[in-house]
Amino acid sequence: QVQLVESGGGLVQPGGSLRLSCAASGFTFSGYAMSWYRQAPGKKRELVASITSAVGGSNYADSVKGRFTISRDNAKNTVYLQMNSLKPEDTAVYYCYARKYHYNHWGQGTQVTVSS
């Protein structure tokens, strides 16, 4: 059974940091590109960051470049999103996403709220 379980969300003040984790099971994690998406209330889901399966090349949305870092540990079947200098506009549900060819899987999401 394929599972993507996100954790690490919560309430943080502007300028603070959080690290999200996504633990994968039920598929060959190392062969999948992994991404983090987010969806704020009333807005479309958007891509935040992606990391490839092999050499771990990454890319980011312009809105998070220089503040967020995506990484993966294939030995632990886990992908991370380190979020620094958080802003209120980063408030959203963050989703983990796995893709390989036409195979794709979503996590259930974790809430991140940035507020004073």
Protein backbone atom coordinates (compact mmCIF):
# COMPACT_ATOMS: atom_id res chain seq x y z
CA GLN A 1 0.00 0.00 0.00
CA VAL A 2 1.43 3.33 -1.09
CA GLN A 3 1.68 5.93 1.64
CA LEU A 4 3.11 9.42 1.86
CA VAL A 5 2.88 10.81 5.37
CA GLU A 6 3.76 14.44 5.96
CA SER A 7 4.73 15.86 9.33
CA GLY A 8 6.34 18.95 10.82
CA GLY A 9 3.67 21.54 10.11
CA GLY A 10 2.36 23.95 12.70
CA LEU A 11 2.06 27.56 13.78
CA VAL A 12 5.16 29.75 13.49
CA GLN A 13 5.81 33.48 13.72
CA PRO A 14 6.92 35.47 10.68
CA GLY A 15 10.65 35.06 10.19
CA GLY A 16 10.63 31.65 11.81
CA SER A 17 11.53 28.23 10.45
CA LEU A 18 9.93 24.83 10.04
CA ARG A 19 11.10 21.57 8.56
CA LEU A 20 8.54 19.38 6.88
CA SER A 21 9.12 15.66 6.41
CA CYS A 22 7.39 13.20 4.13
CA ALA A 23 7.87 9.52 4.86
CA ALA A 24 7.19 7.23 1.92
CA SER A 25 6.31 3.55 1.85
CA GLY A 26 4.87 1.01 -0.53
CA PHE A 27 6.93 1.96 -3.58
CA THR A 28 10.55 2.31 -4.66
CA PHE A 29 11.18 5.76 -3.29
CA SER A 30 14.61 6.25 -4.84
CA GLY A 31 13.17 5.95 -8.35
CA TYR A 32 10.66 8.74 -7.94
CA ALA A 33 10.99 12.47 -8.32
CA MET A 34 9.60 14.14 -5.23
CA SER A 35 7.89 17.48 -4.86
CA TRP A 36 6.22 19.72 -2.33
CA TYR A 37 3.07 21.56 -3.30
CA ARG A 38 0.96 23.94 -1.26
CA GLN A 39 -2.58 25.19 -1.35
CA ALA A 40 -3.81 28.27 0.45
CA PRO A 41 -7.52 28.87 1.10
CA GLY A 42 -9.28 29.94 -2.08
CA LYS A 43 -6.20 29.40 -4.22
CA LYS A 44 -4.98 26.75 -6.61
CA ARG A 45 -2.46 24.17 -5.53
CA GLU A 46 1.01 25.32 -6.56
CA LEU A 47 4.40 23.71 -6.89
CA VAL A 48 6.83 24.82 -4.20
CA ALA A 49 9.92 22.67 -4.86
CA SER A 50 11.00 19.50 -6.64
CA ILE A 51 13.95 17.16 -6.42
CA THR A 52 14.93 14.52 -8.96
CA SER A 53 15.27 10.85 -8.21
CA ALA A 54 18.88 10.37 -9.22
CA VAL A 55 21.40 13.13 -8.68
CA GLY A 56 19.00 15.16 -6.57
CA GLY A 57 18.79 18.24 -8.73
CA SER A 58 16.20 20.65 -7.42
CA ASN A 59 14.09 23.57 -8.51
CA TYR A 60 11.95 26.08 -6.66
CA ALA A 61 9.09 28.46 -7.12
CA ASP A 62 10.32 32.03 -7.38
CA SER A 63 8.38 32.92 -4.25
CA VAL A 64 10.47 30.57 -2.07
CA LYS A 65 13.91 30.69 -3.71
CA GLY A 66 16.61 31.42 -1.18
CA ARG A 67 14.32 30.62 1.74
CA PHE A 68 13.27 26.97 1.23
CA THR A 69 15.44 23.93 0.63
CA ILE A 70 14.23 20.54 -0.55
CA SER A 71 16.30 17.43 0.17
CA ARG A 72 15.86 13.69 0.26
CA ASP A 73 17.31 10.72 2.10
CA ASN A 74 16.78 7.63 -0.02
CA ALA A 75 18.00 5.38 2.79
CA LYS A 76 15.15 6.66 4.97
CA ASN A 77 12.59 6.97 2.16
CA THR A 78 12.01 10.54 3.23
CA VAL A 79 11.91 13.93 1.57
CA TYR A 80 12.27 17.16 3.51
CA LEU A 81 11.41 20.80 3.06
CA GLN A 82 13.40 23.22 5.19
CA MET A 83 11.53 26.50 5.34
CA ASN A 84 13.29 29.60 6.66
CA SER A 85 12.31 33.26 6.87
CA LEU A 86 8.68 32.28 6.74
CA LYS A 87 6.11 34.86 5.70
CA PRO A 88 2.36 35.04 6.30
CA GLU A 89 1.84 34.34 2.60
CA ASP A 90 3.49 30.94 3.09
CA THR A 91 0.43 29.87 5.07
CA ALA A 92 -1.08 26.85 3.34
CA VAL A 93 -1.56 23.12 3.45
CA TYR A 94 1.65 21.55 2.20
CA TYR A 95 1.46 18.31 0.23
CA CYS A 96 4.10 15.77 -0.64
CA TYR A 97 3.96 14.36 -4.20
CA ALA A 98 5.80 11.46 -5.82
CA ARG A 99 6.04 10.96 -9.56
CA LYS A 100 7.62 8.44 -11.92
CA TYR A 101 6.42 8.35 -15.49
CA HIS A 102 2.61 8.09 -15.26
CA TYR A 103 2.70 6.87 -11.65
CA ASN A 104 1.98 9.51 -9.04
CA HIS A 105 1.03 9.64 -5.37
CA TRP A 106 -0.10 12.39 -3.01
CA GLY A 107 0.17 12.75 0.73
CA GLN A 108 -2.67 13.95 2.92
CA GLY A 109 -1.09 17.32 3.65
CA THR A 110 0.16 19.20 6.67
CA GLN A 111 -0.95 22.67 7.73
CA VAL A 112 1.58 25.47 7.99
CA THR A 113 0.38 28.72 9.50
CA VAL A 114 2.62 31.78 9.68
CA SER A 115 1.17 34.37 11.99
CA SER A 116 2.11 36.60 14.89
